[in-house]
PDB file of N, CA and C in Angstrom:
ATOM      1  N   ILE A   1     103.894 128.442 103.412  1.00  0.00           N
ATOM      2  CA  ILE A   1     103.865 126.973 103.369  1.00  0.00           C
ATOM      3  C   ILE A   1     103.142 126.467 104.633  1.00  0.00           C
ATOM      4  N   SER A   2     102.287 125.514 104.443  1.00  0.00           N
ATOM      5  CA  SER A   2     101.525 124.990 105.578  1.00  0.00           C
ATOM      6  C   SER A   2     102.378 124.036 106.416  1.00  0.00           C
ATOM      7  N   LEU A   3     101.978 123.865 107.660  1.00  0.00           N
ATOM      8  CA  LEU A   3     102.674 122.922 108.540  1.00  0.00           C
ATOM      9  C   LEU A   3     102.626 121.522 107.954  1.00  0.00           C
ATOM     10  N   ILE A   4     101.493 121.161 107.363  1.00  0.00           N
ATOM     11  CA  ILE A   4     101.355 119.822 106.775  1.00  0.00           C
ATOM     12  C   ILE A   4     102.355 119.630 105.651  1.00  0.00           C
ATOM     13  N   GLN A   5     102.431 120.594 104.733  1.00  0.00           N
ATOM     14  CA  GLN A   5     103.364 120.463 103.616  1.00  0.00           C
ATOM     15  C   GLN A   5     104.806 120.484 104.117  1.00  0.00           C
ATOM     16  N   PHE A   6     105.086 121.345 105.093  1.00  0.00           N
ATOM     17  CA  PHE A   6     106.425 121.393 105.678  1.00  0.00           C
ATOM     18  C   PHE A   6     106.806 120.028 106.243  1.00  0.00           C
ATOM     19  N   ALA A   7     105.889 119.442 107.021  1.00  0.00           N
ATOM     20  CA  ALA A   7     106.161 118.142 107.637  1.00  0.00           C
ATOM     21  C   ALA A   7     106.376 117.066 106.576  1.00  0.00           C
ATOM     22  N   LEU A   8     105.517 117.045 105.556  1.00  0.00           N
ATOM     23  CA  LEU A   8     105.678 116.050 104.489  1.00  0.00           C
ATOM     24  C   LEU A   8     107.027 116.201 103.797  1.00  0.00           C
ATOM     25  N   ASP A   9     107.453 117.443 103.605  1.00  0.00           N
ATOM     26  CA  ASP A   9     108.738 117.693 102.935  1.00  0.00           C
ATOM     27  C   ASP A   9     109.924 117.213 103.756  1.00  0.00           C
ATOM     28  N   GLN A  10     109.753 117.102 105.077  1.00  0.00           N
ATOM     29  CA  GLN A  10     110.842 116.657 105.951  1.00  0.00           C
ATOM     30  C   GLN A  10     110.962 115.139 106.023  1.00  0.00           C
ATOM     31  N   LEU A  11     109.920 114.435 105.603  1.00  0.00           N
ATOM     32  CA  LEU A  11     109.890 112.979 105.726  1.00  0.00           C
ATOM     33  C   LEU A  11     110.637 112.293 104.594  1.00  0.00           C
ATOM     34  N   PRO A  12     111.082 111.061 104.834  1.00  0.00           N
ATOM     35  CA  PRO A  12     111.603 110.260 103.720  1.00  0.00           C
ATOM     36  C   PRO A  12     110.520 110.141 102.637  1.00  0.00           C
ATOM     37  N   GLU A  13     110.944 110.073 101.399  1.00  0.00           N
ATOM     38  CA  GLU A  13     110.009 110.085 100.277  1.00  0.00           C
ATOM     39  C   GLU A  13     108.932 109.004 100.385  1.00  0.00           C
ATOM     40  N   ARG A  14     109.323 107.797 100.802  1.00  0.00           N
ATOM     41  CA  ARG A  14     108.340 106.703 100.908  1.00  0.00           C
ATOM     42  C   ARG A  14     107.268 107.008 101.952  1.00  0.00           C
ATOM     43  N   TYR A  15     107.662 107.639 103.048  1.00  0.00           N
ATOM     44  CA  TYR A  15     106.695 108.011 104.081  1.00  0.00           C
ATOM     45  C   TYR A  15     105.710 109.037 103.530  1.00  0.00           C
ATOM     46  N   ALA A  16     106.248 110.080 102.906  1.00  0.00           N
ATOM     47  CA  ALA A  16     105.389 111.132 102.359  1.00  0.00           C
ATOM     48  C   ALA A  16     104.449 110.579 101.302  1.00  0.00           C
ATOM     49  N   THR A  17     104.962 109.715 100.433  1.00  0.00           N
ATOM     50  CA  THR A  17     104.135 109.121  99.385  1.00  0.00           C
ATOM     51  C   THR A  17     103.000 108.313  99.991  1.00  0.00           C
ATOM     52  N   ALA A  18     103.310 107.479 100.962  1.00  0.00           N
ATOM     53  CA  ALA A  18     102.290 106.642 101.599  1.00  0.00           C
ATOM     54  C   ALA A  18     101.218 107.500 102.262  1.00  0.00           C
ATOM     55  N   LEU A  19     101.622 108.537 102.971  1.00  0.00           N
ATOM     56  CA  LEU A  19     100.652 109.403 103.639  1.00  0.00           C
ATOM     57  C   LEU A  19      99.792 110.163 102.642  1.00  0.00           C
ATOM     58  N   GLU A  20     100.397 110.648 101.570  1.00  0.00           N
ATOM     59  CA  GLU A  20      99.633 111.364 100.554  1.00  0.00           C
ATOM     60  C   GLU A  20      98.626 110.439  99.871  1.00  0.00           C
ATOM     61  N   LEU A  21      99.045 109.214  99.569  1.00  0.00           N
ATOM     62  CA  LEU A  21      98.118 108.262  98.949  1.00  0.00           C
ATOM     63  C   LEU A  21      96.949 107.958  99.889  1.00  0.00           C
ATOM     64  N   LYS A  22      97.239 107.832 101.172  1.00  0.00           N
ATOM     65  CA  LYS A  22      96.208 107.497 102.161  1.00  0.00           C
ATOM     66  C   LYS A  22      95.274 108.675 102.429  1.00  0.00           C
ATOM     67  N   TYR A  23      95.835 109.828 102.766  1.00  0.00           N
ATOM     68  CA  TYR A  23      95.024 110.922 103.290  1.00  0.00           C
ATOM     69  C   TYR A  23      94.654 111.989 102.272  1.00  0.00           C
ATOM     70  N   VAL A  24      95.386 112.088 101.177  1.00  0.00           N
ATOM     71  CA  VAL A  24      95.035 113.059 100.135  1.00  0.00           C
ATOM     72  C   VAL A  24      94.241 112.371  99.029  1.00  0.00           C
ATOM     73  N   GLU A  25      94.756 111.238  98.557  1.00  0.00           N
ATOM     74  CA  GLU A  25      94.102 110.518  97.467  1.00  0.00           C
ATOM     75  C   GLU A  25      92.987 109.591  97.948  1.00  0.00           C
ATOM     76  N   GLY A  26      93.018 109.210  99.232  1.00  0.00           N
ATOM     77  CA  GLY A  26      91.959 108.384  99.800  1.00  0.00           C
ATOM     78  C   GLY A  26      92.077 106.890  99.520  1.00  0.00           C
ATOM     79  N   PHE A  27      93.283 106.430  99.177  1.00  0.00           N
ATOM     80  CA  PHE A  27      93.473 105.005  98.905  1.00  0.00           C
ATOM     81  C   PHE A  27      93.484 104.207 100.205  1.00  0.00           C
ATOM     82  N   ASN A  28      93.036 102.956 100.133  1.00  0.00           N
ATOM     83  CA  ASN A  28      93.153 102.078 101.295  1.00  0.00           C
ATOM     84  C   ASN A  28      94.523 101.392 101.250  1.00  0.00           C
ATOM     85  N   SER A  29      94.841 100.664 102.302  1.00  0.00           N
ATOM     86  CA  SER A  29      96.195 100.094 102.394  1.00  0.00           C
ATOM     87  C   SER A  29      96.482  99.096 101.266  1.00  0.00           C
ATOM     88  N   ARG A  30      95.478  98.369 100.844  1.00  0.00           N
ATOM     89  CA  ARG A  30      95.679  97.409  99.749  1.00  0.00           C
ATOM     90  C   ARG A  30      96.010  98.148  98.441  1.00  0.00           C
ATOM     91  N   GLU A  31      95.313  99.241  98.190  1.00  0.00           N
ATOM     92  CA  GLU A  31      95.587 100.033  96.986  1.00  0.00           C
ATOM     93  C   GLU A  31      96.974 100.680  97.044  1.00  0.00           C
ATOM     94  N   ILE A  32      97.340 101.135  98.226  1.00  0.00           N
ATOM     95  CA  ILE A  32      98.680 101.721  98.401  1.00  0.00           C
ATOM     96  C   ILE A  32      99.738 100.650  98.173  1.00  0.00           C
ATOM     97  N   ALA A  33      99.495  99.459  98.701  1.00  0.00           N
ATOM     98  CA  ALA A  33     100.431  98.342  98.520  1.00  0.00           C
ATOM     99  C   ALA A  33     100.652  98.063  97.035  1.00  0.00           C
ATOM    100  N   GLU A  34      99.577  98.053  96.269  1.00  0.00           N
ATOM    101  CA  GLU A  34      99.696  97.816  94.825  1.00  0.00           C
ATOM    102  C   GLU A  34     100.509  98.920  94.165  1.00  0.00           C
ATOM    103  N   ARG A  35     100.219 100.172  94.514  1.00  0.00           N
ATOM    104  CA  ARG A  35     100.941 101.304  93.930  1.00  0.00           C
ATOM    105  C   ARG A  35     102.431 101.273  94.258  1.00  0.00           C
ATOM    106  N   MET A  36     102.736 100.907  95.492  1.00  0.00           N
ATOM    107  CA  MET A  36     104.127 100.946  95.952  1.00  0.00           C
ATOM    108  C   MET A  36     104.830  99.612  95.767  1.00  0.00           C
ATOM    109  N   GLN A  37     104.098  98.632  95.277  1.00  0.00           N
ATOM    110  CA  GLN A  37     104.639  97.300  94.999  1.00  0.00           C
ATOM    111  C   GLN A  37     105.249  96.649  96.242  1.00  0.00           C
ATOM    112  N   ILE A  38     104.475  96.708  97.329  1.00  0.00           N
ATOM    113  CA  ILE A  38     104.846  96.034  98.570  1.00  0.00           C
ATOM    114  C   ILE A  38     103.600  95.314  99.086  1.00  0.00           C
ATOM    115  N   SER A  39     103.762  94.484 100.091  1.00  0.00           N
ATOM    116  CA  SER A  39     102.617  93.752 100.632  1.00  0.00           C
ATOM    117  C   SER A  39     101.718  94.686 101.433  1.00  0.00           C
ATOM    118  N   ASP A  40     100.479  94.251 101.638  1.00  0.00           N
ATOM    119  CA  ASP A  40      99.549  95.035 102.452  1.00  0.00           C
ATOM    120  C   ASP A  40     100.080  95.164 103.875  1.00  0.00           C
ATOM    121  N   GLU A  41     100.649  94.090 104.405  1.00  0.00           N
ATOM    122  CA  GLU A  41     101.213  94.139 105.756  1.00  0.00           C
ATOM    123  C   GLU A  41     102.351  95.158 105.829  1.00  0.00           C
ATOM    124  N   ALA A  42     103.217  95.173 104.825  1.00  0.00           N
ATOM    125  CA  ALA A  42     104.316  96.142 104.787  1.00  0.00           C
ATOM    126  C   ALA A  42     103.770  97.565 104.672  1.00  0.00           C
ATOM    127  N   THR A  43     102.682  97.729 103.945  1.00  0.00           N
ATOM    128  CA  THR A  43     102.065  99.049 103.800  1.00  0.00           C
ATOM    129  C   THR A  43     101.539  99.544 105.134  1.00  0.00           C
ATOM    130  N   GLN A  44     100.877  98.674 105.865  1.00  0.00           N
ATOM    131  CA  GLN A  44     100.347  99.076 107.166  1.00  0.00           C
ATOM    132  C   GLN A  44     101.471  99.475 108.124  1.00  0.00           C
ATOM    133  N   SER A  45     102.569  98.744 108.082  1.00  0.00           N
ATOM    134  CA  SER A  45     103.725  99.077 108.897  1.00  0.00           C
ATOM    135  C   SER A  45     104.336 100.409 108.451  1.00  0.00           C
ATOM    136  N   LEU A  46     104.454 100.587 107.146  1.00  0.00           N
ATOM    137  CA  LEU A  46     104.991 101.834 106.589  1.00  0.00           C
ATOM    138  C   LEU A  46     104.125 103.017 107.005  1.00  0.00           C
ATOM    139  N   LEU A  47     102.808 102.869 106.916  1.00  0.00           N
ATOM    140  CA  LEU A  47     101.913 103.948 107.316  1.00  0.00           C
ATOM    141  C   LEU A  47     102.064 104.276 108.799  1.00  0.00           C
ATOM    142  N   ALA A  48     102.205 103.272 109.630  1.00  0.00           N
ATOM    143  CA  ALA A  48     102.378 103.509 111.070  1.00  0.00           C
ATOM    144  C   ALA A  48     103.667 104.286 111.338  1.00  0.00           C
ATOM    145  N   ARG A  49     104.755 103.884 110.681  1.00  0.00           N
ATOM    146  CA  ARG A  49     106.028 104.604 110.856  1.00  0.00           C
ATOM    147  C   ARG A  49     105.925 106.023 110.299  1.00  0.00           C
ATOM    148  N   ALA A  50     105.254 106.169 109.173  1.00  0.00           N
ATOM    149  CA  ALA A  50     105.115 107.484 108.536  1.00  0.00           C
ATOM    150  C   ALA A  50     104.282 108.423 109.413  1.00  0.00           C
ATOM    151  N   ARG A  51     103.190 107.917 109.987  1.00  0.00           N
ATOM    152  CA  ARG A  51     102.366 108.747 110.873  1.00  0.00           C
ATOM    153  C   ARG A  51     103.161 109.190 112.098  1.00  0.00           C
ATOM    154  N   ARG A  52     103.935 108.279 112.667  1.00  0.00           N
ATOM    155  CA  ARG A  52     104.753 108.615 113.846  1.00  0.00           C
ATOM    156  C   ARG A  52     105.786 109.691 113.482  1.00  0.00           C
ATOM    157  N   ALA A  53     106.457 109.532 112.356  1.00  0.00           N
ATOM    158  CA  ALA A  53     107.447 110.517 111.918  1.00  0.00           C
ATOM    159  C   ALA A  53     106.789 111.862 111.637  1.00  0.00           C
ATOM    160  N   PHE A  54     105.603 111.836 111.031  1.00  0.00           N
ATOM    161  CA  PHE A  54     104.858 113.064 110.742  1.00  0.00           C
ATOM    162  C   PHE A  54     104.529 113.800 112.040  1.00  0.00           C
ATOM    163  N   ARG A  55     104.027 113.065 113.033  1.00  0.00           N
ATOM    164  CA  ARG A  55     103.718 113.676 114.332  1.00  0.00           C
ATOM    165  C   ARG A  55     104.969 114.278 114.969  1.00  0.00           C
ATOM    166  N   ASP A  56     106.081 113.560 114.887  1.00  0.00           N
ATOM    167  CA  ASP A  56     107.331 114.057 115.462  1.00  0.00           C
ATOM    168  C   ASP A  56     107.771 115.375 114.804  1.00  0.00           C
ATOM    169  N   VAL A  57     107.706 115.401 113.471  1.00  0.00           N
ATOM    170  CA  VAL A  57     108.116 116.605 112.741  1.00  0.00           C
ATOM    171  C   VAL A  57     107.193 117.773 113.103  1.00  0.00           C
ATOM    172  N   CYS A  58     105.883 117.518 113.135  1.00  0.00           N
ATOM    173  CA  CYS A  58     104.930 118.576 113.485  1.00  0.00           C
ATOM    174  C   CYS A  58     105.174 119.087 114.897  1.00  0.00           C
ATOM    175  N   GLY A  59     105.411 118.170 115.821  1.00  0.00           N
ATOM    176  CA  GLY A  59     105.670 118.555 117.206  1.00  0.00           C
ATOM    177  C   GLY A  59     106.914 119.414 117.332  1.00  0.00           C
ATOM    178  N   GLU A  60     107.966 119.026 116.627  1.00  0.00           N
ATOM    179  CA  GLU A  60     109.201 119.819 116.662  1.00  0.00           C
ATOM    180  C   GLU A  60     108.992 121.190 116.057  1.00  0.00           C
ATOM    181  N   ALA A  61     108.240 121.269 114.965  1.00  0.00           N
ATOM    182  CA  ALA A  61     108.000 122.545 114.298  1.00  0.00           C
ATOM    183  C   ALA A  61     107.198 123.474 115.196  1.00  0.00           C
ATOM    184  N   VAL A  62     106.183 122.942 115.850  1.00  0.00           N
ATOM    185  CA  VAL A  62     105.361 123.757 116.747  1.00  0.00           C
ATOM    186  C   VAL A  62     106.194 124.211 117.953  1.00  0.00           C
ATOM    187  N   HIS A  63     106.975 123.294 118.492  1.00  0.00           N
ATOM    188  CA  HIS A  63     107.809 123.617 119.653  1.00  0.00           C
ATOM    189  C   HIS A  63     108.832 124.698 119.313  1.00  0.00           C
ATOM    190  N   SER A  64     109.462 124.597 118.158  1.00  0.00           N
ATOM    191  CA  SER A  64     110.485 125.589 117.793  1.00  0.00           C
ATOM    192  C   SER A  64     109.872 126.924 117.398  1.00  0.00           C
ATOM    193  N   ALA A  65     108.595 126.964 117.086  1.00  0.00           N
ATOM    194  CA  ALA A  65     107.929 128.218 116.712  1.00  0.00           C
ATOM    195  C   ALA A  65     107.559 129.051 117.931  1.00  0.00           C
ATOM    196  N   ARG A  66     107.645 128.447 119.115  1.00  0.00           N
ATOM    197  CA  ARG A  66     107.269 129.186 120.343  1.00  0.00           C
ATOM    198  C   ARG A  66     108.303 130.191 120.730  1.00  0.00           C
TER     199      ARG A  66
END
């Protein structure tokens, strides 16, 4: 299992979904907002929180692998 998939699996579902739509599917924030039925502003906030959580999970995984 890749670090990316591991990290996504550790995140709340909404975070993982938003990140996958953005970085795997290539949707912009407006398209993600439509898919998730939230405002564009809420999507941008969700993406920021999701990216921060993703970085935290990756950092912990790398640190514990040492």
